[in-house]
Amino acid sequence: MDKHIGARVRLKTNGGRKKTIIKEGLLEKTYPSIFIVVLDGQGATRRVSYSYSDILTDTVELTVMEGNKKIQCLQ
């Protein structure tokens, strides 16, 4: 994960009741148990954090983007 700091990422999360939420942002920081993503917003910057267990349990799907190409998908 550390090698992707500063990269554009796409987050696909489970919104409950058959809803899927897709957000895009920049991978800002990584820590031993969590990672922080700065989300693109309408005039406001928002930071969200997820744990690595969210990826392992398929709660979050993280896709590292390069331009408009998917270069790596972490599930």
PDB file of N, CA and C in Angstrom:
ATOM      1  N   MET A   1       0.821  -1.195   0.000  1.00  0.00           N
ATOM      2  CA  MET A   1       0.000   0.000   0.000  1.00  0.00           C
ATOM      3  C   MET A   1       0.866   1.259   0.000  1.00  0.00           C
ATOM      4  N   ASP A   2       1.994   1.203   0.703  1.00  0.00           N
ATOM      5  CA  ASP A   2       2.835   2.397   0.815  1.00  0.00           C
ATOM      6  C   ASP A   2       3.305   2.913  -0.539  1.00  0.00           C
ATOM      7  N   LYS A   3       3.510   2.023  -1.492  1.00  0.00           N
ATOM      8  CA  LYS A   3       4.007   2.470  -2.800  1.00  0.00           C
ATOM      9  C   LYS A   3       2.946   3.228  -3.592  1.00  0.00           C
ATOM     10  N   HIS A   4       1.684   3.187  -3.149  1.00  0.00           N
ATOM     11  CA  HIS A   4       0.603   3.865  -3.855  1.00  0.00           C
ATOM     12  C   HIS A   4       0.181   5.178  -3.187  1.00  0.00           C
ATOM     13  N   ILE A   5       0.931   5.652  -2.195  1.00  0.00           N
ATOM     14  CA  ILE A   5       0.590   6.922  -1.546  1.00  0.00           C
ATOM     15  C   ILE A   5       0.639   8.036  -2.586  1.00  0.00           C
ATOM     16  N   GLY A   6      -0.415   8.848  -2.629  1.00  0.00           N
ATOM     17  CA  GLY A   6      -0.525   9.929  -3.597  1.00  0.00           C
ATOM     18  C   GLY A   6      -1.227   9.524  -4.882  1.00  0.00           C
ATOM     19  N   ALA A   7      -1.533   8.244  -5.034  1.00  0.00           N
ATOM     20  CA  ALA A   7      -2.192   7.758  -6.251  1.00  0.00           C
ATOM     21  C   ALA A   7      -3.701   7.954  -6.166  1.00  0.00           C
ATOM     22  N   ARG A   8      -4.327   8.088  -7.334  1.00  0.00           N
ATOM     23  CA  ARG A   8      -5.795   8.146  -7.387  1.00  0.00           C
ATOM     24  C   ARG A   8      -6.339   6.757  -7.126  1.00  0.00           C
ATOM     25  N   VAL A   9      -7.366   6.694  -6.299  1.00  0.00           N
ATOM     26  CA  VAL A   9      -7.989   5.417  -5.981  1.00  0.00           C
ATOM     27  C   VAL A   9      -9.497   5.529  -6.125  1.00  0.00           C
ATOM     28  N   ARG A  10     -10.118   4.398  -6.384  1.00  0.00           N
ATOM     29  CA  ARG A  10     -11.577   4.312  -6.432  1.00  0.00           C
ATOM     30  C   ARG A  10     -11.999   3.348  -5.329  1.00  0.00           C
ATOM     31  N   LEU A  11     -12.905   3.807  -4.472  1.00  0.00           N
ATOM     32  CA  LEU A  11     -13.422   2.991  -3.380  1.00  0.00           C
ATOM     33  C   LEU A  11     -14.823   2.523  -3.719  1.00  0.00           C
ATOM     34  N   LYS A  12     -15.051   1.252  -3.586  1.00  0.00           N
ATOM     35  CA  LYS A  12     -16.376   0.691  -3.809  1.00  0.00           C
ATOM     36  C   LYS A  12     -16.798   0.078  -2.479  1.00  0.00           C
ATOM     37  N   THR A  13     -17.817   0.671  -1.838  1.00  0.00           N
ATOM     38  CA  THR A  13     -18.228   0.226  -0.512  1.00  0.00           C
ATOM     39  C   THR A  13     -19.663  -0.259  -0.521  1.00  0.00           C
ATOM     40  N   ASN A  14     -19.964  -1.078   0.448  1.00  0.00           N
ATOM     41  CA  ASN A  14     -21.305  -1.606   0.612  1.00  0.00           C
ATOM     42  C   ASN A  14     -22.132  -0.575   1.373  1.00  0.00           C
ATOM     43  N   GLY A  15     -23.185  -0.053   0.750  1.00  0.00           N
ATOM     44  CA  GLY A  15     -24.044   0.947   1.371  1.00  0.00           C
ATOM     45  C   GLY A  15     -25.238   0.346   2.089  1.00  0.00           C
ATOM     46  N   GLY A  16     -25.342  -0.959   2.105  1.00  0.00           N
ATOM     47  CA  GLY A  16     -26.463  -1.621   2.758  1.00  0.00           C
ATOM     48  C   GLY A  16     -27.660  -1.727   1.836  1.00  0.00           C
ATOM     49  N   ARG A  17     -28.493  -2.723   2.087  1.00  0.00           N
ATOM     50  CA  ARG A  17     -29.721  -2.949   1.316  1.00  0.00           C
ATOM     51  C   ARG A  17     -29.485  -2.918  -0.186  1.00  0.00           C
ATOM     52  N   LYS A  18     -28.507  -3.670  -0.628  1.00  0.00           N
ATOM     53  CA  LYS A  18     -28.179  -3.830  -2.052  1.00  0.00           C
ATOM     54  C   LYS A  18     -27.704  -2.543  -2.724  1.00  0.00           C
ATOM     55  N   LYS A  19     -27.154  -1.614  -1.942  1.00  0.00           N
ATOM     56  CA  LYS A  19     -26.604  -0.375  -2.498  1.00  0.00           C
ATOM     57  C   LYS A  19     -25.084  -0.464  -2.505  1.00  0.00           C
ATOM     58  N   THR A  20     -24.497   0.010  -3.567  1.00  0.00           N
ATOM     59  CA  THR A  20     -23.050   0.099  -3.665  1.00  0.00           C
ATOM     60  C   THR A  20     -22.686   1.560  -3.871  1.00  0.00           C
ATOM     61  N   ILE A  21     -21.743   2.045  -3.075  1.00  0.00           N
ATOM     62  CA  ILE A  21     -21.311   3.440  -3.160  1.00  0.00           C
ATOM     63  C   ILE A  21     -19.901   3.464  -3.748  1.00  0.00           C
ATOM     64  N   ILE A  22     -19.712   4.271  -4.793  1.00  0.00           N
ATOM     65  CA  ILE A  22     -18.404   4.399  -5.435  1.00  0.00           C
ATOM     66  C   ILE A  22     -17.923   5.835  -5.264  1.00  0.00           C
ATOM     67  N   LYS A  23     -16.710   5.980  -4.709  1.00  0.00           N
ATOM     68  CA  LYS A  23     -16.106   7.299  -4.500  1.00  0.00           C
ATOM     69  C   LYS A  23     -14.678   7.263  -5.012  1.00  0.00           C
ATOM     70  N   GLU A  24     -14.182   8.446  -5.395  1.00  0.00           N
ATOM     71  CA  GLU A  24     -12.803   8.548  -5.864  1.00  0.00           C
ATOM     72  C   GLU A  24     -12.058   9.581  -5.044  1.00  0.00           C
ATOM     73  N   GLY A  25     -10.763   9.361  -4.896  1.00  0.00           N
ATOM     74  CA  GLY A  25      -9.939  10.290  -4.142  1.00  0.00           C
ATOM     75  C   GLY A  25      -8.472   9.928  -4.264  1.00  0.00           C
ATOM     76  N   LEU A  26      -7.675  10.468  -3.337  1.00  0.00           N
ATOM     77  CA  LEU A  26      -6.238  10.221  -3.308  1.00  0.00           C
ATOM     78  C   LEU A  26      -5.878   9.469  -2.035  1.00  0.00           C
ATOM     79  N   LEU A  27      -5.020   8.474  -2.163  1.00  0.00           N
ATOM     80  CA  LEU A  27      -4.520   7.765  -0.994  1.00  0.00           C
ATOM     81  C   LEU A  27      -3.528   8.686  -0.300  1.00  0.00           C
ATOM     82  N   GLU A  28      -3.883   9.143   0.902  1.00  0.00           N
ATOM     83  CA  GLU A  28      -3.065  10.149   1.581  1.00  0.00           C
ATOM     84  C   GLU A  28      -2.007   9.537   2.492  1.00  0.00           C
ATOM     85  N   LYS A  29      -2.403   8.653   3.389  1.00  0.00           N
ATOM     86  CA  LYS A  29      -1.462   8.078   4.350  1.00  0.00           C
ATOM     87  C   LYS A  29      -1.827   6.635   4.632  1.00  0.00           C
ATOM     88  N   THR A  30      -0.820   5.877   5.025  1.00  0.00           N
ATOM     89  CA  THR A  30      -1.059   4.514   5.480  1.00  0.00           C
ATOM     90  C   THR A  30      -0.461   4.356   6.868  1.00  0.00           C
ATOM     91  N   TYR A  31      -1.120   3.572   7.674  1.00  0.00           N
ATOM     92  CA  TYR A  31      -0.674   3.255   9.024  1.00  0.00           C
ATOM     93  C   TYR A  31      -0.715   1.739   9.171  1.00  0.00           C
ATOM     94  N   PRO A  32      -0.197   1.201  10.265  1.00  0.00           N
ATOM     95  CA  PRO A  32      -0.174  -0.262  10.411  1.00  0.00           C
ATOM     96  C   PRO A  32      -1.540  -0.948  10.297  1.00  0.00           C
ATOM     97  N   SER A  33      -2.622  -0.285  10.717  1.00  0.00           N
ATOM     98  CA  SER A  33      -3.920  -0.966  10.658  1.00  0.00           C
ATOM     99  C   SER A  33      -4.979  -0.236   9.840  1.00  0.00           C
ATOM    100  N   ILE A  34      -4.709   1.003   9.412  1.00  0.00           N
ATOM    101  CA  ILE A  34      -5.687   1.762   8.625  1.00  0.00           C
ATOM    102  C   ILE A  34      -4.999   2.506   7.486  1.00  0.00           C
ATOM    103  N   PHE A  35      -5.812   2.980   6.536  1.00  0.00           N
ATOM    104  CA  PHE A  35      -5.322   3.878   5.494  1.00  0.00           C
ATOM    105  C   PHE A  35      -6.325   5.011   5.340  1.00  0.00           C
ATOM    106  N   ILE A  36      -5.833   6.179   4.912  1.00  0.00           N
ATOM    107  CA  ILE A  36      -6.657   7.382   4.803  1.00  0.00           C
ATOM    108  C   ILE A  36      -6.724   7.815   3.347  1.00  0.00           C
ATOM    109  N   VAL A  37      -7.956   8.129   2.904  1.00  0.00           N
ATOM    110  CA  VAL A  37      -8.200   8.582   1.536  1.00  0.00           C
ATOM    111  C   VAL A  37      -8.849   9.957   1.596  1.00  0.00           C
ATOM    112  N   VAL A  38      -8.331  10.911   0.813  1.00  0.00           N
ATOM    113  CA  VAL A  38      -8.932  12.235   0.682  1.00  0.00           C
ATOM    114  C   VAL A  38      -9.886  12.161  -0.498  1.00  0.00           C
ATOM    115  N   LEU A  39     -11.173  12.382  -0.227  1.00  0.00           N
ATOM    116  CA  LEU A  39     -12.201  12.253  -1.261  1.00  0.00           C
ATOM    117  C   LEU A  39     -12.376  13.545  -2.030  1.00  0.00           C
ATOM    118  N   ASP A  40     -12.682  13.411  -3.312  1.00  0.00           N
ATOM    119  CA  ASP A  40     -13.017  14.556  -4.146  1.00  0.00           C
ATOM    120  C   ASP A  40     -14.427  14.983  -3.775  1.00  0.00           C
ATOM    121  N   GLY A  41     -14.587  16.263  -3.473  1.00  0.00           N
ATOM    122  CA  GLY A  41     -15.914  16.745  -3.108  1.00  0.00           C
ATOM    123  C   GLY A  41     -16.266  17.996  -3.867  1.00  0.00           C
ATOM    124  N   GLN A  42     -17.476  18.464  -3.653  1.00  0.00           N
ATOM    125  CA  GLN A  42     -17.924  19.692  -4.295  1.00  0.00           C
ATOM    126  C   GLN A  42     -17.586  20.860  -3.380  1.00  0.00           C
ATOM    127  N   GLY A  43     -16.346  21.344  -3.481  1.00  0.00           N
ATOM    128  CA  GLY A  43     -15.925  22.492  -2.701  1.00  0.00           C
ATOM    129  C   GLY A  43     -15.405  22.160  -1.319  1.00  0.00           C
ATOM    130  N   ALA A  44     -15.579  20.936  -0.847  1.00  0.00           N
ATOM    131  CA  ALA A  44     -15.121  20.571   0.487  1.00  0.00           C
ATOM    132  C   ALA A  44     -14.263  19.311   0.403  1.00  0.00           C
ATOM    133  N   THR A  45     -13.148  19.341   1.118  1.00  0.00           N
ATOM    134  CA  THR A  45     -12.283  18.174   1.176  1.00  0.00           C
ATOM    135  C   THR A  45     -12.728  17.306   2.344  1.00  0.00           C
ATOM    136  N   ARG A  46     -12.785  16.023   2.106  1.00  0.00           N
ATOM    137  CA  ARG A  46     -13.230  15.110   3.150  1.00  0.00           C
ATOM    138  C   ARG A  46     -12.262  13.942   3.223  1.00  0.00           C
ATOM    139  N   ARG A  47     -11.871  13.586   4.440  1.00  0.00           N
ATOM    140  CA  ARG A  47     -10.977  12.451   4.646  1.00  0.00           C
ATOM    141  C   ARG A  47     -11.764  11.297   5.256  1.00  0.00           C
ATOM    142  N   VAL A  48     -11.531  10.114   4.742  1.00  0.00           N
ATOM    143  CA  VAL A  48     -12.148   8.917   5.308  1.00  0.00           C
ATOM    144  C   VAL A  48     -11.043   7.901   5.583  1.00  0.00           C
ATOM    145  N   SER A  49     -11.259   7.093   6.594  1.00  0.00           N
ATOM    146  CA  SER A  49     -10.284   6.051   6.909  1.00  0.00           C
ATOM    147  C   SER A  49     -10.970   4.697   6.878  1.00  0.00           C
ATOM    148  N   TYR A  50     -10.219   3.708   6.456  1.00  0.00           N
ATOM    149  CA  TYR A  50     -10.694   2.331   6.405  1.00  0.00           C
ATOM    150  C   TYR A  50      -9.605   1.442   6.978  1.00  0.00           C
ATOM    151  N   SER A  51     -10.002   0.338   7.537  1.00  0.00           N
ATOM    152  CA  SER A  51      -9.019  -0.618   8.039  1.00  0.00           C
ATOM    153  C   SER A  51      -8.723  -1.644   6.950  1.00  0.00           C
ATOM    154  N   TYR A  52      -7.579  -2.283   7.071  1.00  0.00           N
ATOM    155  CA  TYR A  52      -7.214  -3.309   6.096  1.00  0.00           C
ATOM    156  C   TYR A  52      -8.157  -4.505   6.198  1.00  0.00           C
ATOM    157  N   SER A  53      -8.753  -4.704   7.368  1.00  0.00           N
ATOM    158  CA  SER A  53      -9.717  -5.804   7.507  1.00  0.00           C
ATOM    159  C   SER A  53     -10.970  -5.541   6.672  1.00  0.00           C
ATOM    160  N   ASP A  54     -11.283  -4.261   6.386  1.00  0.00           N
ATOM    161  CA  ASP A  54     -12.407  -3.941   5.494  1.00  0.00           C
ATOM    162  C   ASP A  54     -12.169  -4.508   4.095  1.00  0.00           C
ATOM    163  N   ILE A  55     -10.930  -4.478   3.645  1.00  0.00           N
ATOM    164  CA  ILE A  55     -10.594  -5.041   2.334  1.00  0.00           C
ATOM    165  C   ILE A  55     -10.665  -6.566   2.387  1.00  0.00           C
ATOM    166  N   LEU A  56     -10.139  -7.138   3.463  1.00  0.00           N
ATOM    167  CA  LEU A  56     -10.120  -8.600   3.583  1.00  0.00           C
ATOM    168  C   LEU A  56     -11.514  -9.199   3.700  1.00  0.00           C
ATOM    169  N   THR A  57     -12.450  -8.455   4.289  1.00  0.00           N
ATOM    170  CA  THR A  57     -13.816  -8.959   4.470  1.00  0.00           C
ATOM    171  C   THR A  57     -14.751  -8.500   3.359  1.00  0.00           C
ATOM    172  N   ASP A  58     -14.208  -7.906   2.304  1.00  0.00           N
ATOM    173  CA  ASP A  58     -14.977  -7.434   1.140  1.00  0.00           C
ATOM    174  C   ASP A  58     -15.974  -6.334   1.472  1.00  0.00           C
ATOM    175  N   THR A  59     -15.754  -5.600   2.561  1.00  0.00           N
ATOM    176  CA  THR A  59     -16.580  -4.438   2.872  1.00  0.00           C
ATOM    177  C   THR A  59     -16.202  -3.285   1.950  1.00  0.00           C
ATOM    178  N   VAL A  60     -14.915  -3.208   1.594  1.00  0.00           N
ATOM    179  CA  VAL A  60     -14.390  -2.158   0.719  1.00  0.00           C
ATOM    180  C   VAL A  60     -13.561  -2.813  -0.378  1.00  0.00           C
ATOM    181  N   GLU A  61     -13.725  -2.313  -1.598  1.00  0.00           N
ATOM    182  CA  GLU A  61     -12.860  -2.712  -2.707  1.00  0.00           C
ATOM    183  C   GLU A  61     -12.088  -1.472  -3.117  1.00  0.00           C
ATOM    184  N   LEU A  62     -10.774  -1.543  -3.087  1.00  0.00           N
ATOM    185  CA  LEU A  62      -9.909  -0.415  -3.411  1.00  0.00           C
ATOM    186  C   LEU A  62      -9.249  -0.681  -4.754  1.00  0.00           C
ATOM    187  N   THR A  63      -9.425   0.254  -5.696  1.00  0.00           N
ATOM    188  CA  THR A  63      -8.818   0.137  -7.015  1.00  0.00           C
ATOM    189  C   THR A  63      -7.864   1.302  -7.210  1.00  0.00           C
ATOM    190  N   VAL A  64      -6.607   0.997  -7.497  1.00  0.00           N
ATOM    191  CA  VAL A  64      -5.604   2.030  -7.756  1.00  0.00           C
ATOM    192  C   VAL A  64      -5.686   2.372  -9.234  1.00  0.00           C
ATOM    193  N   MET A  65      -5.832   3.670  -9.538  1.00  0.00           N
ATOM    194  CA  MET A  65      -6.033   4.127 -10.910  1.00  0.00           C
ATOM    195  C   MET A  65      -4.783   4.850 -11.417  1.00  0.00           C
ATOM    196  N   GLU A  66      -4.556   4.762 -12.720  1.00  0.00           N
ATOM    197  CA  GLU A  66      -3.515   5.543 -13.384  1.00  0.00           C
ATOM    198  C   GLU A  66      -4.167   6.153 -14.607  1.00  0.00           C
ATOM    199  N   GLY A  67      -4.456   7.449 -14.539  1.00  0.00           N
ATOM    200  CA  GLY A  67      -5.264   8.073 -15.576  1.00  0.00           C
ATOM    201  C   GLY A  67      -6.669   7.530 -15.441  1.00  0.00           C
ATOM    202  N   ASN A  68      -7.200   6.949 -16.484  1.00  0.00           N
ATOM    203  CA  ASN A  68      -8.501   6.286 -16.409  1.00  0.00           C
ATOM    204  C   ASN A  68      -8.369   4.769 -16.438  1.00  0.00           C
ATOM    205  N   LYS A  69      -7.132   4.270 -16.291  1.00  0.00           N
ATOM    206  CA  LYS A  69      -6.903   2.832 -16.332  1.00  0.00           C
ATOM    207  C   LYS A  69      -6.806   2.275 -14.923  1.00  0.00           C
ATOM    208  N   LYS A  70      -7.382   1.108 -14.725  1.00  0.00           N
ATOM    209  CA  LYS A  70      -7.239   0.401 -13.461  1.00  0.00           C
ATOM    210  C   LYS A  70      -5.910  -0.324 -13.504  1.00  0.00           C
ATOM    211  N   ILE A  71      -5.026  -0.054 -12.525  1.00  0.00           N
ATOM    212  CA  ILE A  71      -3.744  -0.742 -12.546  1.00  0.00           C
ATOM    213  C   ILE A  71      -3.655  -1.832 -11.483  1.00  0.00           C
ATOM    214  N   GLN A  72      -4.452  -1.716 -10.423  1.00  0.00           N
ATOM    215  CA  GLN A  72      -4.430  -2.754  -9.405  1.00  0.00           C
ATOM    216  C   GLN A  72      -5.707  -2.683  -8.592  1.00  0.00           C
ATOM    217  N   CYS A  73      -6.282  -3.823  -8.323  1.00  0.00           N
ATOM    218  CA  CYS A  73      -7.501  -3.899  -7.532  1.00  0.00           C
ATOM    219  C   CYS A  73      -7.199  -4.714  -6.286  1.00  0.00           C
ATOM    220  N   LEU A  74      -7.412  -4.113  -5.118  1.00  0.00           N
ATOM    221  CA  LEU A  74      -7.164  -4.803  -3.857  1.00  0.00           C
ATOM    222  C   LEU A  74      -8.488  -5.250  -3.280  1.00  0.00           C
ATOM    223  N   GLN A  75      -8.668  -6.546  -3.181  1.00  0.00           N
ATOM    224  CA  GLN A  75      -9.898  -7.096  -2.616  1.00  0.00           C
ATOM    225  C   GLN A  75      -9.556  -8.008  -1.486  1.00  0.00           C
TER     226      GLN A  75
END
